[in-house]
Amino acid sequence: SYHVDYWDNQGWRDVFSNPDYSKRQYQYASKL
């Protein structure tokens, strides 16, 4: 389970979020 960080500016910062995981998801989106 990867907690992404692009929700962090919507009123709540996820304590487990990491920009690296958002990057990984975007990389998957490009490949798939």
Full PDB file with SEQRES, HELIX, SHEET, SSBOND, CRYST1, ORIGX, SCALE, CONECT and MASTER records, all heavy atoms in Angstrom:
SEQRES   1 A   32  SER TYR HIS VAL ASP TYR TRP ASP ASN GLN GLY TRP ARG          
SEQRES   2 A   32  ASP VAL PHE SER ASN PRO ASP TYR SER LYS ARG GLN TYR          
SEQRES   3 A   32  GLN TYR ALA SER LYS LEU                                      
HELIX    1 AA1 PRO A   19  LYS A   31  1                                  13    
CRYST1    1.000    1.000    1.000  90.00  90.00  90.00 P 1           1          
ORIGX1      1.000000  0.000000  0.000000        0.00000                         
ORIGX2      0.000000  1.000000  0.000000        0.00000                         
ORIGX3      0.000000  0.000000  1.000000        0.00000                         
SCALE1      1.000000  0.000000  0.000000        0.00000                         
SCALE2      0.000000  1.000000  0.000000        0.00000                         
SCALE3      0.000000  0.000000  1.000000        0.00000                         
ATOM      1  N   SER A   1       0.839  -1.193   0.000  1.00  0.00           N  
ATOM      2  CA  SER A   1       0.000   0.000   0.000  1.00  0.00           C  
ATOM      3  C   SER A   1       0.877   1.248   0.000  1.00  0.00           C  
ATOM      4  O   SER A   1       1.641   1.475   0.933  1.00  0.00           O  
ATOM      5  CB  SER A   1      -0.914   0.001   1.228  1.00  0.00           C  
ATOM      6  OG  SER A   1      -1.707   1.155   1.263  1.00  0.00           O  
ATOM      7  N   TYR A   2       0.765   2.038  -1.081  1.00  0.00           N  
ATOM      8  CA  TYR A   2       1.542   3.272  -1.216  1.00  0.00           C  
ATOM      9  C   TYR A   2       0.620   4.470  -0.975  1.00  0.00           C  
ATOM     10  O   TYR A   2      -0.391   4.628  -1.665  1.00  0.00           O  
ATOM     11  CB  TYR A   2       2.124   3.402  -2.617  1.00  0.00           C  
ATOM     12  CG  TYR A   2       3.052   2.293  -3.045  1.00  0.00           C  
ATOM     13  CD1 TYR A   2       2.582   1.209  -3.792  1.00  0.00           C  
ATOM     14  CD2 TYR A   2       4.411   2.335  -2.752  1.00  0.00           C  
ATOM     15  CE1 TYR A   2       3.432   0.194  -4.202  1.00  0.00           C  
ATOM     16  CE2 TYR A   2       5.266   1.333  -3.164  1.00  0.00           C  
ATOM     17  CZ  TYR A   2       4.767   0.264  -3.896  1.00  0.00           C  
ATOM     18  OH  TYR A   2       5.608  -0.736  -4.308  1.00  0.00           O  
ATOM     19  N   HIS A   3       0.982   5.321  -0.028  1.00  0.00           N  
ATOM     20  CA  HIS A   3       0.205   6.528   0.234  1.00  0.00           C  
ATOM     21  C   HIS A   3       0.812   7.688  -0.569  1.00  0.00           C  
ATOM     22  O   HIS A   3       1.934   8.122  -0.294  1.00  0.00           O  
ATOM     23  CB  HIS A   3       0.204   6.842   1.729  1.00  0.00           C  
ATOM     24  CG  HIS A   3      -0.643   5.895   2.528  1.00  0.00           C  
ATOM     25  ND1 HIS A   3      -1.670   6.308   3.346  1.00  0.00           N  
ATOM     26  CD2 HIS A   3      -0.627   4.536   2.609  1.00  0.00           C  
ATOM     27  CE1 HIS A   3      -2.253   5.252   3.908  1.00  0.00           C  
ATOM     28  NE2 HIS A   3      -1.626   4.164   3.475  1.00  0.00           N  
ATOM     29  N   VAL A   4       0.059   8.153  -1.559  1.00  0.00           N  
ATOM     30  CA  VAL A   4       0.545   9.208  -2.450  1.00  0.00           C  
ATOM     31  C   VAL A   4       0.424  10.572  -1.765  1.00  0.00           C  
ATOM     32  O   VAL A   4      -0.290  10.707  -0.753  1.00  0.00           O  
ATOM     33  CB  VAL A   4      -0.244   9.201  -3.776  1.00  0.00           C  
ATOM     34  CG1 VAL A   4      -0.025   7.881  -4.519  1.00  0.00           C  
ATOM     35  CG2 VAL A   4      -1.737   9.429  -3.537  1.00  0.00           C  
ATOM     36  N   ASP A   5       1.104  11.575  -2.310  1.00  0.00           N  
ATOM     37  CA  ASP A   5       1.128  12.887  -1.653  1.00  0.00           C  
ATOM     38  C   ASP A   5       0.294  13.955  -2.354  1.00  0.00           C  
ATOM     39  O   ASP A   5       0.169  15.064  -1.844  1.00  0.00           O  
ATOM     40  CB  ASP A   5       2.570  13.376  -1.504  1.00  0.00           C  
ATOM     41  CG  ASP A   5       3.183  13.835  -2.819  1.00  0.00           C  
ATOM     42  OD1 ASP A   5       2.773  13.333  -3.899  1.00  0.00           O  
ATOM     43  OD2 ASP A   5       4.080  14.703  -2.786  1.00  0.00           O  
ATOM     44  N   TYR A   6      -0.311  13.639  -3.508  1.00  0.00           N  
ATOM     45  CA  TYR A   6      -1.026  14.703  -4.233  1.00  0.00           C  
ATOM     46  C   TYR A   6      -2.392  15.030  -3.626  1.00  0.00           C  
ATOM     47  O   TYR A   6      -3.071  15.949  -4.087  1.00  0.00           O  
ATOM     48  CB  TYR A   6      -1.152  14.376  -5.726  1.00  0.00           C  
ATOM     49  CG  TYR A   6      -1.703  13.015  -6.084  1.00  0.00           C  
ATOM     50  CD1 TYR A   6      -3.065  12.746  -6.043  1.00  0.00           C  
ATOM     51  CD2 TYR A   6      -0.855  11.999  -6.506  1.00  0.00           C  
ATOM     52  CE1 TYR A   6      -3.567  11.509  -6.390  1.00  0.00           C  
ATOM     53  CE2 TYR A   6      -1.343  10.744  -6.860  1.00  0.00           C  
ATOM     54  CZ  TYR A   6      -2.708  10.515  -6.808  1.00  0.00           C  
ATOM     55  OH  TYR A   6      -3.198   9.273  -7.164  1.00  0.00           O  
ATOM     56  N   TRP A   7      -2.786  14.317  -2.568  1.00  0.00           N  
ATOM     57  CA  TRP A   7      -3.988  14.684  -1.813  1.00  0.00           C  
ATOM     58  C   TRP A   7      -3.652  15.578  -0.621  1.00  0.00           C  
ATOM     59  O   TRP A   7      -4.549  16.066   0.065  1.00  0.00           O  
ATOM     60  CB  TRP A   7      -4.682  13.419  -1.302  1.00  0.00           C  
ATOM     61  CG  TRP A   7      -5.603  12.765  -2.287  1.00  0.00           C  
ATOM     62  CD1 TRP A   7      -5.317  11.751  -3.149  1.00  0.00           C  
ATOM     63  CD2 TRP A   7      -6.989  13.076  -2.501  1.00  0.00           C  
ATOM     64  NE1 TRP A   7      -6.415  11.408  -3.891  1.00  0.00           N  
ATOM     65  CE2 TRP A   7      -7.461  12.202  -3.508  1.00  0.00           C  
ATOM     66  CE3 TRP A   7      -7.875  13.998  -1.937  1.00  0.00           C  
ATOM     67  CZ2 TRP A   7      -8.782  12.244  -3.968  1.00  0.00           C  
ATOM     68  CZ3 TRP A   7      -9.186  14.033  -2.382  1.00  0.00           C  
ATOM     69  CH2 TRP A   7      -9.621  13.158  -3.392  1.00  0.00           C  
ATOM     70  N   ASP A   8      -2.379  15.780  -0.358  1.00  0.00           N  
ATOM     71  CA  ASP A   8      -1.977  16.443   0.881  1.00  0.00           C  
ATOM     72  C   ASP A   8      -2.368  17.922   0.955  1.00  0.00           C  
ATOM     73  O   ASP A   8      -2.346  18.511   2.037  1.00  0.00           O  
ATOM     74  CB  ASP A   8      -0.459  16.313   1.085  1.00  0.00           C  
ATOM     75  CG  ASP A   8      -0.057  14.914   1.543  1.00  0.00           C  
ATOM     76  OD1 ASP A   8      -0.953  14.073   1.734  1.00  0.00           O  
ATOM     77  OD2 ASP A   8       1.160  14.662   1.678  1.00  0.00           O  
ATOM     78  N   ASN A   9      -2.698  18.517  -0.196  1.00  0.00           N  
ATOM     79  CA  ASN A   9      -3.093  19.937  -0.188  1.00  0.00           C  
ATOM     80  C   ASN A   9      -4.612  20.103  -0.229  1.00  0.00           C  
ATOM     81  O   ASN A   9      -5.117  21.172  -0.538  1.00  0.00           O  
ATOM     82  CB  ASN A   9      -2.458  20.685  -1.365  1.00  0.00           C  
ATOM     83  CG  ASN A   9      -2.853  20.091  -2.714  1.00  0.00           C  
ATOM     84  OD1 ASN A   9      -3.540  19.071  -2.764  1.00  0.00           O  
ATOM     85  ND2 ASN A   9      -2.440  20.730  -3.790  1.00  0.00           N  
ATOM     86  N   GLN A  10      -5.338  19.014   0.101  1.00  0.00           N  
ATOM     87  CA  GLN A  10      -6.805  19.063   0.073  1.00  0.00           C  
ATOM     88  C   GLN A  10      -7.410  19.097   1.479  1.00  0.00           C  
ATOM     89  O   GLN A  10      -8.532  18.653   1.683  1.00  0.00           O  
ATOM     90  CB  GLN A  10      -7.347  17.841  -0.687  1.00  0.00           C  
ATOM     91  CG  GLN A  10      -6.825  17.701  -2.101  1.00  0.00           C  
ATOM     92  CD  GLN A  10      -7.236  18.868  -2.989  1.00  0.00           C  
ATOM     93  OE1 GLN A  10      -8.376  19.319  -2.936  1.00  0.00           O  
ATOM     94  NE2 GLN A  10      -6.306  19.361  -3.792  1.00  0.00           N  
ATOM     95  N   GLY A  11      -6.646  19.600   2.433  1.00  0.00           N  
ATOM     96  CA  GLY A  11      -7.182  19.770   3.783  1.00  0.00           C  
ATOM     97  C   GLY A  11      -6.595  18.830   4.819  1.00  0.00           C  
ATOM     98  O   GLY A  11      -6.769  19.050   6.020  1.00  0.00           O  
ATOM     99  N   TRP A  12      -5.909  17.779   4.380  1.00  0.00           N  
ATOM    100  CA  TRP A  12      -5.327  16.820   5.322  1.00  0.00           C  
ATOM    101  C   TRP A  12      -4.049  16.246   4.743  1.00  0.00           C  
ATOM    102  O   TRP A  12      -4.024  15.743   3.622  1.00  0.00           O  
ATOM    103  CB  TRP A  12      -6.305  15.687   5.623  1.00  0.00           C  
ATOM    104  CG  TRP A  12      -5.742  14.635   6.548  1.00  0.00           C  
ATOM    105  CD1 TRP A  12      -5.337  13.378   6.203  1.00  0.00           C  
ATOM    106  CD2 TRP A  12      -5.497  14.761   7.946  1.00  0.00           C  
ATOM    107  NE1 TRP A  12      -4.854  12.710   7.301  1.00  0.00           N  
ATOM    108  CE2 TRP A  12      -4.947  13.535   8.396  1.00  0.00           C  
ATOM    109  CE3 TRP A  12      -5.690  15.793   8.872  1.00  0.00           C  
ATOM    110  CZ2 TRP A  12      -4.594  13.318   9.730  1.00  0.00           C  
ATOM    111  CZ3 TRP A  12      -5.333  15.571  10.194  1.00  0.00           C  
ATOM    112  CH2 TRP A  12      -4.796  14.340  10.601  1.00  0.00           C  
ATOM    113  N   ARG A  13      -2.968  16.304   5.536  1.00  0.00           N  
ATOM    114  CA  ARG A  13      -1.712  15.712   5.109  1.00  0.00           C  
ATOM    115  C   ARG A  13      -1.614  14.296   5.641  1.00  0.00           C  
ATOM    116  O   ARG A  13      -1.608  14.076   6.850  1.00  0.00           O  
ATOM    117  CB  ARG A  13      -0.515  16.536   5.594  1.00  0.00           C  
ATOM    118  CG  ARG A  13       0.805  15.997   5.070  1.00  0.00           C  
ATOM    119  CD  ARG A  13       2.003  16.740   5.642  1.00  0.00           C  
ATOM    120  NE  ARG A  13       3.249  16.170   5.133  1.00  0.00           N  
ATOM    121  CZ  ARG A  13       3.810  15.057   5.581  1.00  0.00           C  
ATOM    122  NH1 ARG A  13       3.247  14.381   6.566  1.00  0.00           N  
ATOM    123  NH2 ARG A  13       4.934  14.607   5.053  1.00  0.00           N  
ATOM    124  N   ASP A  14      -1.528  13.343   4.744  1.00  0.00           N  
ATOM    125  CA  ASP A  14      -1.385  11.929   5.079  1.00  0.00           C  
ATOM    126  C   ASP A  14      -0.005  11.704   5.697  1.00  0.00           C  
ATOM    127  O   ASP A  14       1.021  11.987   5.071  1.00  0.00           O  
ATOM    128  CB  ASP A  14      -1.549  11.102   3.798  1.00  0.00           C  
ATOM    129  CG  ASP A  14      -1.636   9.608   4.053  1.00  0.00           C  
ATOM    130  OD1 ASP A  14      -1.084   9.132   5.052  1.00  0.00           O  
ATOM    131  OD2 ASP A  14      -2.240   8.910   3.225  1.00  0.00           O  
ATOM    132  N   VAL A  15       0.025  11.174   6.923  1.00  0.00           N  
ATOM    133  CA  VAL A  15       1.304  10.978   7.623  1.00  0.00           C  
ATOM    134  C   VAL A  15       2.181   9.925   6.939  1.00  0.00           C  
ATOM    135  O   VAL A  15       3.389   9.878   7.166  1.00  0.00           O  
ATOM    136  CB  VAL A  15       1.077  10.574   9.096  1.00  0.00           C  
ATOM    137  CG1 VAL A  15       0.421  11.701   9.872  1.00  0.00           C  
ATOM    138  CG2 VAL A  15       0.256   9.302   9.195  1.00  0.00           C  
ATOM    139  N   PHE A  16       1.578   9.080   6.097  1.00  0.00           N  
ATOM    140  CA  PHE A  16       2.332   8.031   5.420  1.00  0.00           C  
ATOM    141  C   PHE A  16       2.667   8.389   3.966  1.00  0.00           C  
ATOM    142  O   PHE A  16       3.248   7.571   3.251  1.00  0.00           O  
ATOM    143  CB  PHE A  16       1.548   6.713   5.442  1.00  0.00           C  
ATOM    144  CG  PHE A  16       1.231   6.214   6.816  1.00  0.00           C  
ATOM    145  CD1 PHE A  16      -0.079   6.139   7.268  1.00  0.00           C  
ATOM    146  CD2 PHE A  16       2.244   5.828   7.684  1.00  0.00           C  
ATOM    147  CE1 PHE A  16      -0.380   5.679   8.538  1.00  0.00           C  
ATOM    148  CE2 PHE A  16       1.957   5.367   8.966  1.00  0.00           C  
ATOM    149  CZ  PHE A  16       0.647   5.299   9.392  1.00  0.00           C  
ATOM    150  N   SER A  17       2.283   9.600   3.542  1.00  0.00           N  
ATOM    151  CA  SER A  17       2.462   9.962   2.132  1.00  0.00           C  
ATOM    152  C   SER A  17       3.924  10.182   1.783  1.00  0.00           C  
ATOM    153  O   SER A  17       4.742  10.560   2.632  1.00  0.00           O  
ATOM    154  CB  SER A  17       1.654  11.210   1.793  1.00  0.00           C  
ATOM    155  OG  SER A  17       2.166  12.342   2.479  1.00  0.00           O  
ATOM    156  N   ASN A  18       4.229   9.948   0.511  1.00  0.00           N  
ATOM    157  CA  ASN A  18       5.602  10.086   0.026  1.00  0.00           C  
ATOM    158  C   ASN A  18       5.557  10.445  -1.455  1.00  0.00           C  
ATOM    159  O   ASN A  18       4.895   9.753  -2.235  1.00  0.00           O  
ATOM    160  CB  ASN A  18       6.357   8.771   0.236  1.00  0.00           C  
ATOM    161  CG  ASN A  18       7.847   8.870  -0.026  1.00  0.00           C  
ATOM    162  OD1 ASN A  18       8.281   9.534  -0.961  1.00  0.00           O  
ATOM    163  ND2 ASN A  18       8.644   8.201   0.790  1.00  0.00           N  
ATOM    164  N   PRO A  19       6.229  11.523  -1.867  1.00  0.00           N  
ATOM    165  CA  PRO A  19       6.214  11.902  -3.289  1.00  0.00           C  
ATOM    166  C   PRO A  19       6.780  10.830  -4.202  1.00  0.00           C  
ATOM    167  O   PRO A  19       6.416  10.758  -5.380  1.00  0.00           O  
ATOM    168  CB  PRO A  19       7.064  13.181  -3.334  1.00  0.00           C  
ATOM    169  CG  PRO A  19       7.874  13.156  -2.068  1.00  0.00           C  
ATOM    170  CD  PRO A  19       7.028  12.467  -1.064  1.00  0.00           C  
ATOM    171  N   ASP A  20       7.652   9.982  -3.670  1.00  0.00           N  
ATOM    172  CA  ASP A  20       8.208   8.895  -4.490  1.00  0.00           C  
ATOM    173  C   ASP A  20       7.118   7.918  -4.930  1.00  0.00           C  
ATOM    174  O   ASP A  20       7.199   7.330  -6.001  1.00  0.00           O  
ATOM    175  CB  ASP A  20       9.280   8.134  -3.706  1.00  0.00           C  
ATOM    176  CG  ASP A  20      10.539   8.954  -3.493  1.00  0.00           C  
ATOM    177  OD1 ASP A  20      10.733   9.949  -4.224  1.00  0.00           O  
ATOM    178  OD2 ASP A  20      11.321   8.605  -2.595  1.00  0.00           O  
ATOM    179  N   TYR A  21       6.096   7.758  -4.090  1.00  0.00           N  
ATOM    180  CA  TYR A  21       5.022   6.821  -4.431  1.00  0.00           C  
ATOM    181  C   TYR A  21       4.100   7.419  -5.495  1.00  0.00           C  
ATOM    182  O   TYR A  21       3.581   6.698  -6.348  1.00  0.00           O  
ATOM    183  CB  TYR A  21       4.238   6.437  -3.183  1.00  0.00           C  
ATOM    184  CG  TYR A  21       5.099   5.883  -2.076  1.00  0.00           C  
ATOM    185  CD1 TYR A  21       4.708   5.956  -0.744  1.00  0.00           C  
ATOM    186  CD2 TYR A  21       6.333   5.284  -2.353  1.00  0.00           C  
ATOM    187  CE1 TYR A  21       5.506   5.454   0.272  1.00  0.00           C  
ATOM    188  CE2 TYR A  21       7.136   4.782  -1.345  1.00  0.00           C  
ATOM    189  CZ  TYR A  21       6.722   4.873  -0.033  1.00  0.00           C  
ATOM    190  OH  TYR A  21       7.521   4.374   0.970  1.00  0.00           O  
ATOM    191  N   SER A  22       3.909   8.741  -5.432  1.00  0.00           N  
ATOM    192  CA  SER A  22       3.154   9.411  -6.503  1.00  0.00           C  
ATOM    193  C   SER A  22       3.906   9.274  -7.820  1.00  0.00           C  
ATOM    194  O   SER A  22       3.297   9.005  -8.873  1.00  0.00           O  
ATOM    195  CB  SER A  22       2.967  10.894  -6.164  1.00  0.00           C  
ATOM    196  OG  SER A  22       2.269  11.062  -4.953  1.00  0.00           O  
ATOM    197  N   LYS A  23       5.212   9.427  -7.773  1.00  0.00           N  
ATOM    198  CA  LYS A  23       6.042   9.277  -8.973  1.00  0.00           C  
ATOM    199  C   LYS A  23       5.927   7.867  -9.533  1.00  0.00           C  
ATOM    200  O   LYS A  23       5.813   7.680 -10.749  1.00  0.00           O  
ATOM    201  CB  LYS A  23       7.499   9.598  -8.634  1.00  0.00           C  
ATOM    202  CG  LYS A  23       8.448   9.500  -9.823  1.00  0.00           C  
ATOM    203  CD  LYS A  23       9.871   9.840  -9.404  1.00  0.00           C  
ATOM    204  CE  LYS A  23      10.838   9.688 -10.576  1.00  0.00           C  
ATOM    205  NZ  LYS A  23      12.237   9.989 -10.164  1.00  0.00           N  
ATOM    206  N   ARG A  24       5.925   6.872  -8.649  1.00  0.00           N  
ATOM    207  CA  ARG A  24       5.808   5.478  -9.100  1.00  0.00           C  
ATOM    208  C   ARG A  24       4.457   5.261  -9.793  1.00  0.00           C  
ATOM    209  O   ARG A  24       4.384   4.587 -10.822  1.00  0.00           O  
ATOM    210  CB  ARG A  24       5.952   4.531  -7.907  1.00  0.00           C  
ATOM    211  CG  ARG A  24       5.892   3.040  -8.279  1.00  0.00           C  
ATOM    212  CD  ARG A  24       6.326   2.178  -7.105  1.00  0.00           C  
ATOM    213  NE  ARG A  24       6.238   0.743  -7.367  1.00  0.00           N  
ATOM    214  CZ  ARG A  24       7.127   0.036  -8.044  1.00  0.00           C  
ATOM    215  NH1 ARG A  24       8.200   0.640  -8.548  1.00  0.00           N  
ATOM    216  NH2 ARG A  24       6.979  -1.251  -8.238  1.00  0.00           N  
ATOM    217  N   GLN A  25       3.413   5.838  -9.243  1.00  0.00           N  
ATOM    218  CA  GLN A  25       2.094   5.682  -9.854  1.00  0.00           C  
ATOM    219  C   GLN A  25       2.048   6.343 -11.231  1.00  0.00           C  
ATOM    220  O   GLN A  25       1.481   5.775 -12.174  1.00  0.00           O  
ATOM    221  CB  GLN A  25       1.019   6.290  -8.950  1.00  0.00           C  
ATOM    222  CG  GLN A  25      -0.394   5.995  -9.441  1.00  0.00           C  
ATOM    223  CD  GLN A  25      -1.471   6.630  -8.583  1.00  0.00           C  
ATOM    224  OE1 GLN A  25      -1.204   7.570  -7.829  1.00  0.00           O  
ATOM    225  NE2 GLN A  25      -2.681   6.134  -8.689  1.00  0.00           N  
ATOM    226  N   TYR A  26       2.627   7.512 -11.369  1.00  0.00           N  
ATOM    227  CA  TYR A  26       2.654   8.188 -12.666  1.00  0.00           C  
ATOM    228  C   TYR A  26       3.474   7.398 -13.684  1.00  0.00           C  
ATOM    229  O   TYR A  26       3.151   7.361 -14.878  1.00  0.00           O  
ATOM    230  CB  TYR A  26       3.196   9.611 -12.516  1.00  0.00           C  
ATOM    231  CG  TYR A  26       2.128  10.624 -12.170  1.00  0.00           C  
ATOM    232  CD1 TYR A  26       1.811  10.915 -10.840  1.00  0.00           C  
ATOM    233  CD2 TYR A  26       1.407  11.275 -13.168  1.00  0.00           C  
ATOM    234  CE1 TYR A  26       0.819  11.821 -10.520  1.00  0.00           C  
ATOM    235  CE2 TYR A  26       0.416  12.192 -12.864  1.00  0.00           C  
ATOM    236  CZ  TYR A  26       0.122  12.466 -11.532  1.00  0.00           C  
ATOM    237  OH  TYR A  26      -0.878  13.365 -11.226  1.00  0.00           O  
ATOM    238  N   GLN A  27       4.547   6.764 -13.217  1.00  0.00           N  
ATOM    239  CA  GLN A  27       5.337   5.934 -14.119  1.00  0.00           C  
ATOM    240  C   GLN A  27       4.518   4.747 -14.622  1.00  0.00           C  
ATOM    241  O   GLN A  27       4.573   4.401 -15.807  1.00  0.00           O  
ATOM    242  CB  GLN A  27       6.594   5.452 -13.402  1.00  0.00           C  
ATOM    243  CG  GLN A  27       7.623   6.553 -13.176  1.00  0.00           C  
ATOM    244  CD  GLN A  27       8.786   6.103 -12.295  1.00  0.00           C  
ATOM    245  OE1 GLN A  27       8.682   5.135 -11.532  1.00  0.00           O  
ATOM    246  NE2 GLN A  27       9.906   6.810 -12.384  1.00  0.00           N  
ATOM    247  N   TYR A  28       3.754   4.140 -13.727  1.00  0.00           N  
ATOM    248  CA  TYR A  28       2.875   3.046 -14.140  1.00  0.00           C  
ATOM    249  C   TYR A  28       1.849   3.544 -15.159  1.00  0.00           C  
ATOM    250  O   TYR A  28       1.553   2.872 -16.154  1.00  0.00           O  
ATOM    251  CB  TYR A  28       2.154   2.454 -12.939  1.00  0.00           C  
ATOM    252  CG  TYR A  28       2.884   1.335 -12.238  1.00  0.00           C  
ATOM    253  CD1 TYR A  28       2.938   1.267 -10.849  1.00  0.00           C  
ATOM    254  CD2 TYR A  28       3.501   0.322 -12.965  1.00  0.00           C  
ATOM    255  CE1 TYR A  28       3.592   0.225 -10.206  1.00  0.00           C  
ATOM    256  CE2 TYR A  28       4.168  -0.723 -12.322  1.00  0.00           C  
ATOM    257  CZ  TYR A  28       4.206  -0.763 -10.954  1.00  0.00           C  
ATOM    258  OH  TYR A  28       4.854  -1.797 -10.325  1.00  0.00           O  
ATOM    259  N   ALA A  29       1.261   4.697 -14.900  1.00  0.00           N  
ATOM    260  CA  ALA A  29       0.246   5.250 -15.792  1.00  0.00           C  
ATOM    261  C   ALA A  29       0.803   5.433 -17.200  1.00  0.00           C  
ATOM    262  O   ALA A  29       0.127   5.153 -18.194  1.00  0.00           O  
ATOM    263  CB  ALA A  29      -0.274   6.580 -15.249  1.00  0.00           C  
ATOM    264  N   SER A  30       2.063   5.879 -17.273  1.00  0.00           N  
ATOM    265  CA  SER A  30       2.703   6.053 -18.575  1.00  0.00           C  
ATOM    266  C   SER A  30       2.909   4.720 -19.276  1.00  0.00           C  
ATOM    267  O   SER A  30       2.637   4.584 -20.477  1.00  0.00           O  
ATOM    268  CB  SER A  30       4.047   6.775 -18.393  1.00  0.00           C  
ATOM    269  OG  SER A  30       4.723   6.901 -19.635  1.00  0.00           O  
ATOM    270  N   LYS A  31       3.388   3.728 -18.530  1.00  0.00           N  
ATOM    271  CA  LYS A  31       3.650   2.407 -19.117  1.00  0.00           C  
ATOM    272  C   LYS A  31       2.352   1.719 -19.536  1.00  0.00           C  
ATOM    273  O   LYS A  31       2.293   1.069 -20.588  1.00  0.00           O  
ATOM    274  CB  LYS A  31       4.393   1.521 -18.115  1.00  0.00           C  
ATOM    275  CG  LYS A  31       5.772   2.025 -17.713  1.00  0.00           C  
ATOM    276  CD  LYS A  31       6.783   1.872 -18.817  1.00  0.00           C  
ATOM    277  CE  LYS A  31       8.170   2.269 -18.316  1.00  0.00           C  
ATOM    278  NZ  LYS A  31       9.184   2.162 -19.389  1.00  0.00           N  
ATOM    279  N   LEU A  32       1.325   1.843 -18.704  1.00  0.00           N  
ATOM    280  CA  LEU A  32       0.075   1.123 -18.935  1.00  0.00           C  
ATOM    281  C   LEU A  32      -0.943   1.936 -19.731  1.00  0.00           C  
ATOM    282  O   LEU A  32      -2.031   1.446 -20.026  1.00  0.00           O  
ATOM    283  CB  LEU A  32      -0.549   0.720 -17.588  1.00  0.00           C  
ATOM    284  CG  LEU A  32       0.306  -0.156 -16.675  1.00  0.00           C  
ATOM    285  CD1 LEU A  32      -0.400  -0.396 -15.347  1.00  0.00           C  
ATOM    286  CD2 LEU A  32       0.632  -1.477 -17.350  1.00  0.00           C  
TER     287      LEU A  32                                                      
MASTER        0    0    0    1    0    0    0    6  286    1    0    3          
END                                                                             
